Protein backbone atom coordinates (compact mmCIF):
# COMPACT_ATOMS: atom_id res chain seq x y z
CA UNK A 1 16.74 -5.22 10.37
CA UNK A 2 18.57 -1.51 10.21
CA UNK A 3 20.68 0.30 8.29
CA UNK A 4 22.62 1.98 10.78
CA UNK A 5 25.73 -0.33 10.11
CA UNK A 6 24.97 -0.37 6.32
CA UNK A 7 25.63 -4.03 6.26
CA UNK A 8 22.14 -4.26 4.31
CA UNK A 9 20.47 -1.07 2.37
CA UNK A 10 17.11 -0.53 3.10
CA UNK A 11 15.60 0.93 -0.22
CA UNK A 12 18.37 0.39 -2.81
CA UNK A 13 16.64 0.97 -6.05
CA UNK A 14 17.56 -1.70 -8.70
CA UNK A 15 20.07 0.36 -11.33
CA UNK A 16 18.85 -2.18 -14.06
CA UNK A 17 15.69 -0.72 -14.34
CA UNK A 18 15.02 0.67 -17.78
CA UNK A 19 13.52 3.84 -16.95
CA UNK A 20 12.50 4.99 -20.86
CA UNK A 21 10.53 1.70 -21.43
CA UNK A 22 8.99 2.09 -18.07
CA UNK A 23 7.80 5.65 -19.06
CA UNK A 24 6.61 4.41 -22.11
CA UNK A 25 4.44 1.87 -20.66
CA UNK A 26 3.20 4.12 -18.32
CA UNK A 27 2.14 6.87 -20.62
CA UNK A 28 -0.23 4.13 -22.53
CA UNK A 29 -2.63 3.56 -19.58
CA UNK A 30 -1.37 5.67 -17.00
CA UNK A 31 -0.86 2.59 -14.68
CA UNK A 32 2.17 0.31 -14.41
CA UNK A 33 4.01 -2.50 -12.70
CA UNK A 34 7.35 -2.05 -12.22
CA UNK A 35 8.87 -5.55 -11.41
CA UNK A 36 12.25 -5.85 -9.47
CA UNK A 37 11.91 -2.54 -8.09
CA UNK A 38 14.64 -2.86 -5.24
CA UNK A 39 17.58 -4.87 -5.12
CA UNK A 40 16.99 -8.22 -3.42
CA UNK A 41 18.80 -7.61 -0.63
CA UNK A 42 16.79 -4.32 0.38
CA UNK A 43 13.70 -6.38 -0.84
CA UNK A 44 14.65 -9.38 1.52
CA UNK A 45 15.33 -6.58 4.22
CA UNK A 46 11.69 -4.89 4.06
CA UNK A 47 9.86 -8.31 3.94
CA UNK A 48 11.97 -9.17 7.04
CA UNK A 49 10.94 -6.06 8.68
CA UNK A 50 6.95 -6.45 7.80
CA UNK A 51 6.94 -9.63 8.64
CA UNK A 52 8.62 -10.25 12.10
CA UNK A 53 9.44 -6.51 13.37
CA UNK A 54 5.88 -4.32 12.81
CA UNK A 55 3.30 -3.77 15.17
CA UNK A 56 0.08 -4.30 13.06
CA UNK A 57 -3.23 -2.52 14.21
CA UNK A 58 -6.67 -2.54 12.08
CA UNK A 59 -7.47 0.34 9.66
CA UNK A 60 -11.31 0.28 8.70
CA UNK A 61 -14.07 2.41 7.41
CA UNK A 62 -17.81 1.09 6.54
CA UNK A 63 -19.96 3.85 4.49
CA UNK A 64 -19.97 7.31 5.93
CA UNK A 65 -18.23 6.17 9.27
CA UNK A 66 -15.23 8.04 9.43
CA UNK A 67 -11.82 6.02 8.81
CA UNK A 68 -10.17 4.65 11.82
CA UNK A 69 -6.79 3.06 12.75
CA UNK A 70 -6.98 1.22 15.69
CA UNK A 71 -3.77 0.45 17.55
CA UNK A 72 -2.96 -3.22 18.97
CA UNK A 73 -3.16 -2.07 22.47
CA UNK A 74 -6.34 0.23 22.17
CA UNK A 75 -8.29 -2.86 20.42
CA UNK A 76 -7.29 -5.29 23.10
CA UNK A 77 -9.37 -2.74 25.38
CA UNK A 78 -12.40 -2.66 23.35
CA UNK A 79 -15.37 -5.14 24.54
CA UNK A 80 -16.36 -8.23 22.47
CA UNK A 81 -19.52 -6.18 21.30
CA UNK A 82 -17.23 -3.06 20.18
CA UNK A 83 -15.42 -5.41 18.05
CA UNK A 84 -18.04 -7.34 16.42
CA UNK A 85 -19.49 -4.07 16.00
CA UNK A 86 -16.88 -3.33 13.25
CA UNK A 87 -17.69 -6.38 11.67
CA UNK A 88 -21.42 -5.87 11.28
CA UNK A 89 -21.00 -2.36 10.15
CA UNK A 90 -18.64 -3.57 7.77
CA UNK A 91 -21.10 -6.28 6.32
CA UNK A 92 -23.96 -3.90 6.21
CA UNK A 93 -21.81 -1.27 4.18
CA UNK A 94 -20.67 -3.96 1.70
CA UNK A 95 -24.24 -5.70 1.27
CA UNK A 96 -25.42 -2.56 -0.09
CA UNK A 97 -23.53 0.28 -2.26
CA UNK A 98 -21.22 2.13 0.48
CA UNK A 99 -17.48 2.33 0.60
CA UNK A 100 -15.86 0.10 2.81
CA UNK A 101 -12.22 -1.47 3.72
CA UNK A 102 -10.73 -3.48 6.39
CA UNK A 103 -6.74 -4.58 6.48
CA UNK A 104 -4.26 -4.36 9.02
CA UNK A 105 -2.02 -1.23 8.97
CA UNK A 106 0.87 0.73 10.53
CA UNK A 107 0.31 4.29 9.46
CA UNK A 108 4.06 5.41 8.62
CA UNK A 109 3.31 9.17 8.80
CA UNK A 110 1.41 9.19 11.80
CA UNK A 111 3.93 6.92 13.58
CA UNK A 112 6.82 9.08 12.59
CA UNK A 113 5.06 12.40 13.60
CA UNK A 114 4.17 11.28 16.99
CA UNK A 115 6.89 8.95 17.76
CA UNK A 116 5.65 5.60 18.29
CA UNK A 117 8.56 3.68 17.84
CA UNK A 118 11.62 6.06 17.43
CA UNK A 119 14.37 4.75 15.43
CA UNK A 120 12.04 1.95 13.91
CA UNK A 121 13.26 0.74 10.39
CA UNK A 122 9.75 1.94 8.78
CA UNK A 123 10.71 5.54 10.01
CA UNK A 124 14.16 5.37 7.92
CA UNK A 125 11.83 3.88 4.95
CA UNK A 126 9.28 6.95 5.15
CA UNK A 127 12.61 9.04 4.47
CA UNK A 128 13.97 7.08 1.68
CA UNK A 129 10.62 7.53 -0.16
CA UNK A 130 10.61 11.17 0.14
CA UNK A 131 14.54 11.16 -0.93
CA UNK A 132 15.36 12.01 -4.46
CA UNK A 133 16.60 8.60 -5.99
CA UNK A 134 12.45 7.49 -5.42
CA UNK A 135 11.13 10.67 -6.23
CA UNK A 136 13.60 11.25 -9.20
CA UNK A 137 12.67 7.57 -10.68
CA UNK A 138 8.85 8.31 -10.12
CA UNK A 139 9.31 11.57 -11.89
CA UNK A 140 10.55 10.32 -14.82
CA UNK A 141 8.48 7.31 -15.38
CA UNK A 142 5.57 9.17 -14.82
CA UNK A 143 6.19 12.27 -16.62
CA UNK A 144 4.99 14.17 -13.92
CA UNK A 145 7.86 16.70 -12.73
CA UNK A 146 6.00 18.50 -9.99
CA UNK A 147 5.84 15.22 -7.57
CA UNK A 148 7.30 16.49 -4.29
CA UNK A 149 6.26 14.28 -1.62
CA UNK A 150 5.35 10.75 -0.48
CA UNK A 151 3.48 9.52 2.38
CA UNK A 152 3.03 5.98 3.10
CA UNK A 153 1.42 3.04 5.07
CA UNK A 154 2.84 -0.71 5.82
CA UNK A 155 -0.18 -3.00 5.13
CA UNK A 156 -1.21 -6.42 5.43
CA UNK A 157 -4.19 -8.05 3.69
CA UNK A 158 -5.38 -11.07 5.70
CA UNK A 159 -8.44 -13.19 5.84
CA UNK A 160 -11.37 -11.25 5.26
CA UNK A 161 -9.62 -7.99 4.63
CA UNK A 162 -10.55 -6.05 1.17
CA UNK A 163 -10.57 -2.75 0.12
CA UNK A 164 -14.03 -1.81 -1.89
CA UNK A 165 -14.15 0.17 -5.29
CA UNK A 166 -13.16 4.09 -5.07
CA UNK A 167 -10.95 6.13 -7.26
CA UNK A 168 -8.82 8.49 -4.96
CA UNK A 169 -10.27 11.81 -6.44
CA UNK A 170 -8.35 14.02 -3.83
CA UNK A 171 -6.71 16.72 -5.92
CA UNK A 172 -7.07 19.20 -3.45
CA UNK A 173 -4.58 17.16 -1.18
CA UNK A 174 -2.14 17.08 -4.39
CA UNK A 175 -2.68 13.18 -5.12
CA UNK A 176 -1.00 12.42 -8.39
CA UNK A 177 -0.17 8.83 -8.07
CA UNK A 178 -1.02 6.00 -5.83
CA UNK A 179 1.86 3.34 -5.61
CA UNK A 180 1.58 -0.34 -3.70
CA UNK A 181 5.06 -1.75 -3.17
CA UNK A 182 4.12 -5.74 -2.83
CA UNK A 183 6.62 -7.24 -0.21
CA UNK A 184 4.73 -10.84 0.10
CA UNK A 185 7.93 -13.00 -0.61
CA UNK A 186 6.03 -16.60 -1.30
CA UNK A 187 4.42 -17.30 -4.49
CA UNK A 188 0.66 -15.69 -4.59
CA UNK A 189 -2.13 -18.05 -5.84
CA UNK A 190 -4.70 -16.08 -7.80
CA UNK A 191 -7.32 -17.54 -5.79
CA UNK A 192 -6.27 -15.83 -2.58
CA UNK A 193 -7.48 -12.69 -3.59
CA UNK A 194 -5.22 -9.21 -2.77
CA UNK A 195 -5.06 -8.33 -6.43
CA UNK A 196 -4.88 -4.57 -7.17
CA UNK A 197 -7.93 -4.12 -9.93
CA UNK A 198 -9.16 -1.48 -12.07
CA UNK A 199 -12.15 -1.14 -13.80
CA UNK A 200 -14.01 0.90 -16.45
CA UNK A 201 -17.07 3.17 -15.88
CA UNK A 202 -19.69 -0.15 -16.29
CA UNK A 203 -17.94 -1.88 -13.38
CA UNK A 204 -16.25 -4.64 -15.60
CA UNK A 205 -12.26 -5.40 -14.61
CA UNK A 206 -10.03 -4.37 -17.12
CA UNK A 207 -6.97 -4.85 -15.48
CA UNK A 208 -5.58 -6.67 -12.48
CA UNK A 209 -2.00 -6.58 -10.70
CA UNK A 210 -0.67 -9.91 -8.92
CA UNK A 211 0.90 -9.21 -5.56
CA UNK A 212 4.28 -9.94 -6.77
CA UNK A 213 7.21 -9.98 -4.47
CA UNK A 214 9.33 -6.60 -4.99
CA UNK A 215 6.99 -5.00 -7.39
CA UNK A 216 5.54 -1.76 -7.38
CA UNK A 217 2.29 -0.60 -8.90
CA UNK A 218 1.55 2.93 -9.58
CA UNK A 219 -1.18 4.56 -11.25
CA UNK A 220 -2.49 7.93 -12.09
CA UNK A 221 -5.24 9.30 -9.83
CA UNK A 222 -8.43 9.13 -10.11
CA UNK A 223 -8.96 5.70 -11.55
CA UNK A 224 -11.76 3.23 -10.24
CA UNK A 225 -9.75 0.57 -8.69
CA UNK A 226 -9.97 -1.99 -5.76
CA UNK A 227 -8.30 -4.71 -3.59
CA UNK A 228 -10.07 -7.88 -3.78
CA UNK A 229 -11.44 -9.61 -0.62
CA UNK A 230 -8.78 -12.30 0.80
CA UNK A 231 -10.82 -15.46 1.44
CA UNK A 232 -10.62 -17.23 4.79
CA UNK A 233 -8.59 -20.04 3.17
CA UNK A 234 -5.77 -18.08 1.96
CA UNK A 235 -2.57 -19.45 4.37
CA UNK A 236 -0.90 -16.11 4.42
CA UNK A 237 -1.39 -12.22 4.12
CA UNK A 238 -0.33 -9.98 1.43
CA UNK A 239 2.32 -7.40 2.83
CA UNK A 240 2.89 -4.38 1.13
CA UNK A 241 3.90 -0.39 1.48
CA UNK A 242 1.36 1.89 -0.05
CA UNK A 243 0.33 5.56 -0.53
CA UNK A 244 0.32 8.65 -2.63
CA UNK A 245 2.88 10.69 -4.34
CA UNK A 246 1.64 14.40 -4.07
CA UNK A 247 2.66 17.61 -6.16
CA UNK A 248 2.75 19.72 -3.22
CA UNK A 249 4.82 19.51 0.34
């Protein structure tokens, strides 16, 4: 699961993408699902990395509590009461009108900067999504020539995970496009949740994207959206790489 021997490219963009057609589709609603973004060998390699070679921690936020990422080693050191407190805070937030989320994650930027796992394939992936082939594709499809940088995290939405409705209005940080590259290989049943859904101002769902393997969802921000709750009967998690494309370094 590495690119060093050139056996399997880690992030090989599908050369058959119809970029002009994708650009036209994006222009209509400012959101789009690009299916078969990568070649099959690259997509399968990324799935293998996420499913077998990634150390997952917990990312969560409840209401005004600052967002937190807990590494697996730190979670093991927390008491039962501390871990149960996370669940209580999330339940309280979601029973009211507060914002909240909980999912497994590997923050690629933090891991890269802090040297969590030097040489890990996700370090190379972060370099790929900041390289010209991907940025040029995104500029061409979105029509935003100013896109200059991408951040990213690996995510895993398992049983009980969700991301509540919000709009990503971080203009001051240069956020222009949000992206979700889905990498769950198995066929995803709609009842298993994990959909990226979009809302109008009245809270009605106006569109939703199924978690399809090797499909890149992109949308201009701000837009109201969420990731729907993954119920306990879902037999698998939703693997993805997510982040934002920015117009400044």
